[in-house]
Amino acid sequence: MEELETIVITFDDGEEVEFYVLEQTQLMGVTYYLVAPADDGEEEGDCYILKEEEEGQDTEFGTYTFIDDEKELENLFPIFEELLEDSDMEVEF
């Protein structure tokens, strides 16, 4: 299996969580990532869509936010479904 890229998110409380990047896409100049927790270890689990708010400039890290707007998610689901069609991963939205 191909090694997946990871993103580390630092939450407001200082907790750091590593996420595997399952897929990424751009829509209207904004980069979105489909991610899953890296330490999950489960065959089935949750995945999230992150929006890159700003690219890393002075450092290698950017700023990401979790998408919770239903309309925005509904627009992204079909894109990620299509991108994952040829992979061995199954994602239910």
PDB file of N, CA and C in Angstrom:
ATOM      1  N   MET A   1       0.837  -1.188   0.000  1.00  0.00           N
ATOM      2  CA  MET A   1       0.000   0.000   0.000  1.00  0.00           C
ATOM      3  C   MET A   1       0.881   1.251   0.000  1.00  0.00           C
ATOM      4  N   GLU A   2       0.483   2.225  -0.738  1.00  0.00           N
ATOM      5  CA  GLU A   2       1.205   3.488  -0.855  1.00  0.00           C
ATOM      6  C   GLU A   2       1.125   4.261   0.469  1.00  0.00           C
ATOM      7  N   GLU A   3       2.241   4.872   0.865  1.00  0.00           N
ATOM      8  CA  GLU A   3       2.270   5.668   2.094  1.00  0.00           C
ATOM      9  C   GLU A   3       1.458   6.944   1.893  1.00  0.00           C
ATOM     10  N   LEU A   4       0.572   7.214   2.843  1.00  0.00           N
ATOM     11  CA  LEU A   4      -0.291   8.386   2.748  1.00  0.00           C
ATOM     12  C   LEU A   4       0.372   9.605   3.370  1.00  0.00           C
ATOM     13  N   GLU A   5       0.126  10.755   2.769  1.00  0.00           N
ATOM     14  CA  GLU A   5       0.575  12.034   3.324  1.00  0.00           C
ATOM     15  C   GLU A   5      -0.207  12.279   4.617  1.00  0.00           C
ATOM     16  N   THR A   6       0.385  13.005   5.544  1.00  0.00           N
ATOM     17  CA  THR A   6      -0.316  13.331   6.788  1.00  0.00           C
ATOM     18  C   THR A   6      -0.337  14.836   7.018  1.00  0.00           C
ATOM     19  N   ILE A   7      -1.332  15.243   7.785  1.00  0.00           N
ATOM     20  CA  ILE A   7      -1.467  16.623   8.247  1.00  0.00           C
ATOM     21  C   ILE A   7      -1.610  16.547   9.761  1.00  0.00           C
ATOM     22  N   VAL A   8      -0.893  17.390  10.484  1.00  0.00           N
ATOM     23  CA  VAL A   8      -1.029  17.457  11.938  1.00  0.00           C
ATOM     24  C   VAL A   8      -1.819  18.713  12.275  1.00  0.00           C
ATOM     25  N   ILE A   9      -2.914  18.518  12.995  1.00  0.00           N
ATOM     26  CA  ILE A   9      -3.762  19.633  13.413  1.00  0.00           C
ATOM     27  C   ILE A   9      -3.509  19.893  14.892  1.00  0.00           C
ATOM     28  N   THR A  10      -3.234  21.144  15.238  1.00  0.00           N
ATOM     29  CA  THR A  10      -3.091  21.547  16.633  1.00  0.00           C
ATOM     30  C   THR A  10      -4.354  22.292  17.028  1.00  0.00           C
ATOM     31  N   PHE A  11      -5.072  21.734  17.988  1.00  0.00           N
ATOM     32  CA  PHE A  11      -6.323  22.333  18.443  1.00  0.00           C
ATOM     33  C   PHE A  11      -6.048  23.449  19.446  1.00  0.00           C
ATOM     34  N   ASP A  12      -7.081  24.227  19.754  1.00  0.00           N
ATOM     35  CA  ASP A  12      -6.939  25.372  20.661  1.00  0.00           C
ATOM     36  C   ASP A  12      -6.391  24.976  22.027  1.00  0.00           C
ATOM     37  N   ASP A  13      -6.673  23.743  22.478  1.00  0.00           N
ATOM     38  CA  ASP A  13      -6.190  23.301  23.787  1.00  0.00           C
ATOM     39  C   ASP A  13      -4.759  22.762  23.731  1.00  0.00           C
ATOM     40  N   GLY A  14      -4.124  22.835  22.547  1.00  0.00           N
ATOM     41  CA  GLY A  14      -2.748  22.385  22.389  1.00  0.00           C
ATOM     42  C   GLY A  14      -2.609  20.932  21.960  1.00  0.00           C
ATOM     43  N   GLU A  15      -3.711  20.183  21.961  1.00  0.00           N
ATOM     44  CA  GLU A  15      -3.666  18.784  21.535  1.00  0.00           C
ATOM     45  C   GLU A  15      -3.349  18.707  20.042  1.00  0.00           C
ATOM     46  N   GLU A  16      -2.425  17.825  19.685  1.00  0.00           N
ATOM     47  CA  GLU A  16      -2.067  17.614  18.286  1.00  0.00           C
ATOM     48  C   GLU A  16      -2.602  16.260  17.837  1.00  0.00           C
ATOM     49  N   VAL A  17      -3.264  16.250  16.689  1.00  0.00           N
ATOM     50  CA  VAL A  17      -3.800  15.011  16.125  1.00  0.00           C
ATOM     51  C   VAL A  17      -3.318  14.901  14.683  1.00  0.00           C
ATOM     52  N   GLU A  18      -2.795  13.726  14.355  1.00  0.00           N
ATOM     53  CA  GLU A  18      -2.304  13.486  12.998  1.00  0.00           C
ATOM     54  C   GLU A  18      -3.417  12.842  12.172  1.00  0.00           C
ATOM     55  N   PHE A  19      -3.589  13.327  10.944  1.00  0.00           N
ATOM     56  CA  PHE A  19      -4.601  12.813  10.035  1.00  0.00           C
ATOM     57  C   PHE A  19      -3.935  12.351   8.744  1.00  0.00           C
ATOM     58  N   TYR A  20      -4.394  11.196   8.226  1.00  0.00           N
ATOM     59  CA  TYR A  20      -3.992  10.766   6.888  1.00  0.00           C
ATOM     60  C   TYR A  20      -4.789  11.548   5.862  1.00  0.00           C
ATOM     61  N   VAL A  21      -4.127  11.999   4.809  1.00  0.00           N
ATOM     62  CA  VAL A  21      -4.810  12.655   3.696  1.00  0.00           C
ATOM     63  C   VAL A  21      -5.216  11.556   2.716  1.00  0.00           C
ATOM     64  N   LEU A  22      -6.518  11.283   2.645  1.00  0.00           N
ATOM     65  CA  LEU A  22      -7.029  10.246   1.753  1.00  0.00           C
ATOM     66  C   LEU A  22      -7.135  10.755   0.322  1.00  0.00           C
ATOM     67  N   GLU A  23      -7.485  12.026   0.194  1.00  0.00           N
ATOM     68  CA  GLU A  23      -7.638  12.636  -1.130  1.00  0.00           C
ATOM     69  C   GLU A  23      -7.663  14.142  -0.953  1.00  0.00           C
ATOM     70  N   GLN A  24      -7.389  14.875  -2.015  1.00  0.00           N
ATOM     71  CA  GLN A  24      -7.499  16.330  -1.970  1.00  0.00           C
ATOM     72  C   GLN A  24      -8.020  16.825  -3.302  1.00  0.00           C
ATOM     73  N   THR A  25      -8.648  18.001  -3.270  1.00  0.00           N
ATOM     74  CA  THR A  25      -9.179  18.605  -4.481  1.00  0.00           C
ATOM     75  C   THR A  25      -9.195  20.111  -4.321  1.00  0.00           C
ATOM     76  N   GLN A  26      -9.331  20.802  -5.433  1.00  0.00           N
ATOM     77  CA  GLN A  26      -9.490  22.260  -5.406  1.00  0.00           C
ATOM     78  C   GLN A  26     -10.828  22.609  -6.020  1.00  0.00           C
ATOM     79  N   LEU A  27     -11.511  23.540  -5.390  1.00  0.00           N
ATOM     80  CA  LEU A  27     -12.799  24.012  -5.873  1.00  0.00           C
ATOM     81  C   LEU A  27     -12.816  25.519  -5.718  1.00  0.00           C
ATOM     82  N   MET A  28     -12.940  26.214  -6.835  1.00  0.00           N
ATOM     83  CA  MET A  28     -12.965  27.681  -6.842  1.00  0.00           C
ATOM     84  C   MET A  28     -11.759  28.271  -6.115  1.00  0.00           C
ATOM     85  N   GLY A  29     -10.583  27.684  -6.355  1.00  0.00           N
ATOM     86  CA  GLY A  29      -9.343  28.200  -5.796  1.00  0.00           C
ATOM     87  C   GLY A  29      -9.063  27.818  -4.356  1.00  0.00           C
ATOM     88  N   VAL A  30      -9.936  27.019  -3.751  1.00  0.00           N
ATOM     89  CA  VAL A  30      -9.757  26.597  -2.363  1.00  0.00           C
ATOM     90  C   VAL A  30      -9.396  25.113  -2.350  1.00  0.00           C
ATOM     91  N   THR A  31      -8.388  24.743  -1.548  1.00  0.00           N
ATOM     92  CA  THR A  31      -7.975  23.346  -1.444  1.00  0.00           C
ATOM     93  C   THR A  31      -8.709  22.684  -0.288  1.00  0.00           C
ATOM     94  N   TYR A  32      -9.274  21.503  -0.579  1.00  0.00           N
ATOM     95  CA  TYR A  32      -9.989  20.704   0.416  1.00  0.00           C
ATOM     96  C   TYR A  32      -9.297  19.354   0.542  1.00  0.00           C
ATOM     97  N   TYR A  33      -9.282  18.812   1.764  1.00  0.00           N
ATOM     98  CA  TYR A  33      -8.657  17.525   2.038  1.00  0.00           C
ATOM     99  C   TYR A  33      -9.673  16.595   2.687  1.00  0.00           C
ATOM    100  N   LEU A  34      -9.736  15.358   2.215  1.00  0.00           N
ATOM    101  CA  LEU A  34     -10.492  14.310   2.882  1.00  0.00           C
ATOM    102  C   LEU A  34      -9.493  13.588   3.766  1.00  0.00           C
ATOM    103  N   VAL A  35      -9.711  13.602   5.081  1.00  0.00           N
ATOM    104  CA  VAL A  35      -8.730  13.069   6.024  1.00  0.00           C
ATOM    105  C   VAL A  35      -9.383  12.086   6.992  1.00  0.00           C
ATOM    106  N   ALA A  36      -8.542  11.225   7.577  1.00  0.00           N
ATOM    107  CA  ALA A  36      -8.967  10.285   8.614  1.00  0.00           C
ATOM    108  C   ALA A  36      -7.888  10.269   9.691  1.00  0.00           C
ATOM    109  N   PRO A  37      -8.282  10.088  10.957  1.00  0.00           N
ATOM    110  CA  PRO A  37      -7.282  10.052  12.033  1.00  0.00           C
ATOM    111  C   PRO A  37      -6.230   8.973  11.780  1.00  0.00           C
ATOM    112  N   ALA A  38      -4.962   9.333  11.947  1.00  0.00           N
ATOM    113  CA  ALA A  38      -3.857   8.420  11.654  1.00  0.00           C
ATOM    114  C   ALA A  38      -3.697   7.346  12.719  1.00  0.00           C
ATOM    115  N   ASP A  39      -4.024   7.644  13.952  1.00  0.00           N
ATOM    116  CA  ASP A  39      -3.803   6.686  15.037  1.00  0.00           C
ATOM    117  C   ASP A  39      -5.014   5.809  15.300  1.00  0.00           C
ATOM    118  N   ASP A  40      -5.999   5.875  14.432  1.00  0.00           N
ATOM    119  CA  ASP A  40      -7.241   5.139  14.622  1.00  0.00           C
ATOM    120  C   ASP A  40      -6.997   3.630  14.659  1.00  0.00           C
ATOM    121  N   GLY A  41      -6.255   3.108  13.694  1.00  0.00           N
ATOM    122  CA  GLY A  41      -5.963   1.689  13.662  1.00  0.00           C
ATOM    123  C   GLY A  41      -7.149   0.818  13.271  1.00  0.00           C
ATOM    124  N   GLU A  42      -8.299   1.386  13.151  1.00  0.00           N
ATOM    125  CA  GLU A  42      -9.506   0.652  12.781  1.00  0.00           C
ATOM    126  C   GLU A  42      -9.612   0.566  11.266  1.00  0.00           C
ATOM    127  N   GLU A  43     -10.229  -0.527  10.789  1.00  0.00           N
ATOM    128  CA  GLU A  43     -10.461  -0.647   9.353  1.00  0.00           C
ATOM    129  C   GLU A  43     -11.564   0.311   8.924  1.00  0.00           C
ATOM    130  N   GLU A  44     -12.561   0.495   9.789  1.00  0.00           N
ATOM    131  CA  GLU A  44     -13.631   1.450   9.518  1.00  0.00           C
ATOM    132  C   GLU A  44     -13.509   2.580  10.527  1.00  0.00           C
ATOM    133  N   GLY A  45     -13.804   3.785  10.091  1.00  0.00           N
ATOM    134  CA  GLY A  45     -13.717   4.911  11.005  1.00  0.00           C
ATOM    135  C   GLY A  45     -14.275   6.165  10.383  1.00  0.00           C
ATOM    136  N   ASP A  46     -14.130   7.237  11.101  1.00  0.00           N
ATOM    137  CA  ASP A  46     -14.637   8.523  10.639  1.00  0.00           C
ATOM    138  C   ASP A  46     -13.637   9.187   9.710  1.00  0.00           C
ATOM    139  N   CYS A  47     -14.166  10.000   8.831  1.00  0.00           N
ATOM    140  CA  CYS A  47     -13.305  10.860   8.030  1.00  0.00           C
ATOM    141  C   CYS A  47     -13.915  12.257   8.026  1.00  0.00           C
ATOM    142  N   TYR A  48     -13.085  13.229   7.709  1.00  0.00           N
ATOM    143  CA  TYR A  48     -13.480  14.630   7.784  1.00  0.00           C
ATOM    144  C   TYR A  48     -12.999  15.345   6.533  1.00  0.00           C
ATOM    145  N   ILE A  49     -13.637  16.463   6.244  1.00  0.00           N
ATOM    146  CA  ILE A  49     -13.172  17.312   5.153  1.00  0.00           C
ATOM    147  C   ILE A  49     -12.621  18.590   5.764  1.00  0.00           C
ATOM    148  N   LEU A  50     -11.377  18.892   5.420  1.00  0.00           N
ATOM    149  CA  LEU A  50     -10.715  20.107   5.890  1.00  0.00           C
ATOM    150  C   LEU A  50     -10.593  21.089   4.742  1.00  0.00           C
ATOM    151  N   LYS A  51     -10.694  22.357   5.082  1.00  0.00           N
ATOM    152  CA  LYS A  51     -10.467  23.432   4.114  1.00  0.00           C
ATOM    153  C   LYS A  51      -9.153  24.099   4.486  1.00  0.00           C
ATOM    154  N   GLU A  52      -8.288  24.282   3.483  1.00  0.00           N
ATOM    155  CA  GLU A  52      -7.029  24.983   3.728  1.00  0.00           C
ATOM    156  C   GLU A  52      -7.314  26.477   3.661  1.00  0.00           C
ATOM    157  N   GLU A  53      -7.223  27.135   4.816  1.00  0.00           N
ATOM    158  CA  GLU A  53      -7.514  28.568   4.895  1.00  0.00           C
ATOM    159  C   GLU A  53      -6.359  29.405   4.372  1.00  0.00           C
ATOM    160  N   GLU A  54      -5.146  28.978   4.689  1.00  0.00           N
ATOM    161  CA  GLU A  54      -3.961  29.654   4.150  1.00  0.00           C
ATOM    162  C   GLU A  54      -2.827  28.652   4.099  1.00  0.00           C
ATOM    163  N   GLU A  55      -2.056  28.729   3.040  1.00  0.00           N
ATOM    164  CA  GLU A  55      -0.924  27.827   2.869  1.00  0.00           C
ATOM    165  C   GLU A  55       0.185  28.214   3.824  1.00  0.00           C
ATOM    166  N   GLY A  56       1.012  27.222   4.167  1.00  0.00           N
ATOM    167  CA  GLY A  56       2.174  27.519   4.989  1.00  0.00           C
ATOM    168  C   GLY A  56       3.118  28.432   4.233  1.00  0.00           C
ATOM    169  N   GLN A  57       3.484  29.548   4.832  1.00  0.00           N
ATOM    170  CA  GLN A  57       4.374  30.484   4.154  1.00  0.00           C
ATOM    171  C   GLN A  57       5.704  30.564   4.889  1.00  0.00           C
ATOM    172  N   ASP A  58       5.689  31.019   6.129  1.00  0.00           N
ATOM    173  CA  ASP A  58       6.933  31.088   6.895  1.00  0.00           C
ATOM    174  C   ASP A  58       7.323  29.708   7.420  1.00  0.00           C
ATOM    175  N   THR A  59       6.345  28.825   7.552  1.00  0.00           N
ATOM    176  CA  THR A  59       6.595  27.455   7.982  1.00  0.00           C
ATOM    177  C   THR A  59       5.985  26.538   6.938  1.00  0.00           C
ATOM    178  N   GLU A  60       6.184  25.239   7.101  1.00  0.00           N
ATOM    179  CA  GLU A  60       5.620  24.303   6.133  1.00  0.00           C
ATOM    180  C   GLU A  60       4.143  24.046   6.386  1.00  0.00           C
ATOM    181  N   PHE A  61       3.614  24.541   7.504  1.00  0.00           N
ATOM    182  CA  PHE A  61       2.247  24.226   7.872  1.00  0.00           C
ATOM    183  C   PHE A  61       1.288  25.334   7.482  1.00  0.00           C
ATOM    184  N   GLY A  62       0.110  24.941   7.042  1.00  0.00           N
ATOM    185  CA  GLY A  62      -0.940  25.897   6.723  1.00  0.00           C
ATOM    186  C   GLY A  62      -1.950  25.948   7.854  1.00  0.00           C
ATOM    187  N   THR A  63      -3.051  26.622   7.587  1.00  0.00           N
ATOM    188  CA  THR A  63      -4.142  26.708   8.544  1.00  0.00           C
ATOM    189  C   THR A  63      -5.341  25.992   7.940  1.00  0.00           C
ATOM    190  N   TYR A  64      -5.926  25.080   8.698  1.00  0.00           N
ATOM    191  CA  TYR A  64      -7.031  24.268   8.210  1.00  0.00           C
ATOM    192  C   TYR A  64      -8.235  24.416   9.133  1.00  0.00           C
ATOM    193  N   THR A  65      -9.423  24.312   8.546  1.00  0.00           N
ATOM    194  CA  THR A  65     -10.650  24.292   9.345  1.00  0.00           C
ATOM    195  C   THR A  65     -11.488  23.096   8.910  1.00  0.00           C
ATOM    196  N   PHE A  66     -12.208  22.528   9.877  1.00  0.00           N
ATOM    197  CA  PHE A  66     -13.126  21.437   9.585  1.00  0.00           C
ATOM    198  C   PHE A  66     -14.376  22.019   8.949  1.00  0.00           C
ATOM    199  N   ILE A  67     -14.857  21.390   7.882  1.00  0.00           N
ATOM    200  CA  ILE A  67     -16.065  21.853   7.206  1.00  0.00           C
ATOM    201  C   ILE A  67     -17.269  21.313   7.954  1.00  0.00           C
ATOM    202  N   ASP A  68     -18.157  22.212   8.390  1.00  0.00           N
ATOM    203  CA  ASP A  68     -19.389  21.771   9.038  1.00  0.00           C
ATOM    204  C   ASP A  68     -20.630  22.368   8.378  1.00  0.00           C
ATOM    205  N   ASP A  69     -20.437  23.186   7.348  1.00  0.00           N
ATOM    206  CA  ASP A  69     -21.550  23.768   6.607  1.00  0.00           C
ATOM    207  C   ASP A  69     -22.142  22.691   5.688  1.00  0.00           C
ATOM    208  N   GLU A  70     -23.415  22.347   5.906  1.00  0.00           N
ATOM    209  CA  GLU A  70     -24.060  21.264   5.161  1.00  0.00           C
ATOM    210  C   GLU A  70     -24.035  21.481   3.650  1.00  0.00           C
ATOM    211  N   LYS A  71     -24.288  22.695   3.211  1.00  0.00           N
ATOM    212  CA  LYS A  71     -24.319  22.979   1.771  1.00  0.00           C
ATOM    213  C   LYS A  71     -22.932  22.783   1.151  1.00  0.00           C
ATOM    214  N   GLU A  72     -21.919  23.265   1.839  1.00  0.00           N
ATOM    215  CA  GLU A  72     -20.547  23.101   1.351  1.00  0.00           C
ATOM    216  C   GLU A  72     -20.170  21.615   1.293  1.00  0.00           C
ATOM    217  N   LEU A  73     -20.561  20.856   2.335  1.00  0.00           N
ATOM    218  CA  LEU A  73     -20.289  19.419   2.350  1.00  0.00           C
ATOM    219  C   LEU A  73     -20.999  18.705   1.203  1.00  0.00           C
ATOM    220  N   GLU A  74     -22.259  19.061   0.966  1.00  0.00           N
ATOM    221  CA  GLU A  74     -23.028  18.438  -0.117  1.00  0.00           C
ATOM    222  C   GLU A  74     -22.383  18.685  -1.480  1.00  0.00           C
ATOM    223  N   ASN A  75     -21.740  19.831  -1.650  1.00  0.00           N
ATOM    224  CA  ASN A  75     -21.037  20.122  -2.903  1.00  0.00           C
ATOM    225  C   ASN A  75     -19.745  19.314  -3.037  1.00  0.00           C
ATOM    226  N   LEU A  76     -19.122  18.992  -1.911  1.00  0.00           N
ATOM    227  CA  LEU A  76     -17.837  18.294  -1.930  1.00  0.00           C
ATOM    228  C   LEU A  76     -17.969  16.773  -1.982  1.00  0.00           C
ATOM    229  N   PHE A  77     -19.039  16.216  -1.410  1.00  0.00           N
ATOM    230  CA  PHE A  77     -19.193  14.761  -1.360  1.00  0.00           C
ATOM    231  C   PHE A  77     -19.049  14.098  -2.726  1.00  0.00           C
ATOM    232  N   PRO A  78     -19.784  14.555  -3.761  1.00  0.00           N
ATOM    233  CA  PRO A  78     -19.668  13.882  -5.066  1.00  0.00           C
ATOM    234  C   PRO A  78     -18.261  13.962  -5.665  1.00  0.00           C
ATOM    235  N   ILE A  79     -17.569  15.040  -5.392  1.00  0.00           N
ATOM    236  CA  ILE A  79     -16.204  15.194  -5.915  1.00  0.00           C
ATOM    237  C   ILE A  79     -15.285  14.152  -5.291  1.00  0.00           C
ATOM    238  N   PHE A  80     -15.345  14.027  -3.955  1.00  0.00           N
ATOM    239  CA  PHE A  80     -14.487  13.049  -3.284  1.00  0.00           C
ATOM    240  C   PHE A  80     -14.902  11.619  -3.624  1.00  0.00           C
ATOM    241  N   GLU A  81     -16.203  11.361  -3.787  1.00  0.00           N
ATOM    242  CA  GLU A  81     -16.650  10.025  -4.198  1.00  0.00           C
ATOM    243  C   GLU A  81     -16.035   9.639  -5.536  1.00  0.00           C
ATOM    244  N   GLU A  82     -16.050  10.563  -6.473  1.00  0.00           N
ATOM    245  CA  GLU A  82     -15.481  10.300  -7.797  1.00  0.00           C
ATOM    246  C   GLU A  82     -13.970  10.086  -7.720  1.00  0.00           C
ATOM    247  N   LEU A  83     -13.285  10.888  -6.913  1.00  0.00           N
ATOM    248  CA  LEU A  83     -11.833  10.750  -6.774  1.00  0.00           C
ATOM    249  C   LEU A  83     -11.447   9.407  -6.160  1.00  0.00           C
ATOM    250  N   LEU A  84     -12.309   8.875  -5.293  1.00  0.00           N
ATOM    251  CA  LEU A  84     -12.002   7.621  -4.607  1.00  0.00           C
ATOM    252  C   LEU A  84     -12.478   6.383  -5.366  1.00  0.00           C
ATOM    253  N   GLU A  85     -13.179   6.572  -6.485  1.00  0.00           N
ATOM    254  CA  GLU A  85     -13.726   5.445  -7.248  1.00  0.00           C
ATOM    255  C   GLU A  85     -12.686   4.394  -7.593  1.00  0.00           C
ATOM    256  N   ASP A  86     -11.515   4.810  -8.004  1.00  0.00           N
ATOM    257  CA  ASP A  86     -10.483   3.874  -8.450  1.00  0.00           C
ATOM    258  C   ASP A  86      -9.550   3.415  -7.331  1.00  0.00           C
ATOM    259  N   SER A  87      -9.830   3.804  -6.108  1.00  0.00           N
ATOM    260  CA  SER A  87      -8.978   3.393  -4.990  1.00  0.00           C
ATOM    261  C   SER A  87      -9.592   2.166  -4.315  1.00  0.00           C
ATOM    262  N   ASP A  88      -8.842   1.585  -3.396  1.00  0.00           N
ATOM    263  CA  ASP A  88      -9.363   0.439  -2.654  1.00  0.00           C
ATOM    264  C   ASP A  88     -10.075   0.875  -1.374  1.00  0.00           C
ATOM    265  N   MET A  89     -10.298   2.174  -1.219  1.00  0.00           N
ATOM    266  CA  MET A  89     -10.995   2.705  -0.046  1.00  0.00           C
ATOM    267  C   MET A  89     -12.467   2.909  -0.357  1.00  0.00           C
ATOM    268  N   GLU A  90     -13.300   2.604   0.627  1.00  0.00           N
ATOM    269  CA  GLU A  90     -14.721   2.880   0.501  1.00  0.00           C
ATOM    270  C   GLU A  90     -15.088   3.929   1.535  1.00  0.00           C
ATOM    271  N   VAL A  91     -15.721   4.996   1.072  1.00  0.00           N
ATOM    272  CA  VAL A  91     -16.139   6.065   1.972  1.00  0.00           C
ATOM    273  C   VAL A  91     -17.621   6.293   1.765  1.00  0.00           C
ATOM    274  N   GLU A  92     -18.369   6.270   2.862  1.00  0.00           N
ATOM    275  CA  GLU A  92     -19.794   6.566   2.804  1.00  0.00           C
ATOM    276  C   GLU A  92     -20.009   7.958   3.359  1.00  0.00           C
ATOM    277  N   PHE A  93     -20.698   8.789   2.579  1.00  0.00           N
ATOM    278  CA  PHE A  93     -20.947  10.163   3.001  1.00  0.00           C
ATOM    279  C   PHE A  93     -22.361  10.297   3.508  1.00  0.00           C
TER     280      PHE A  93
END
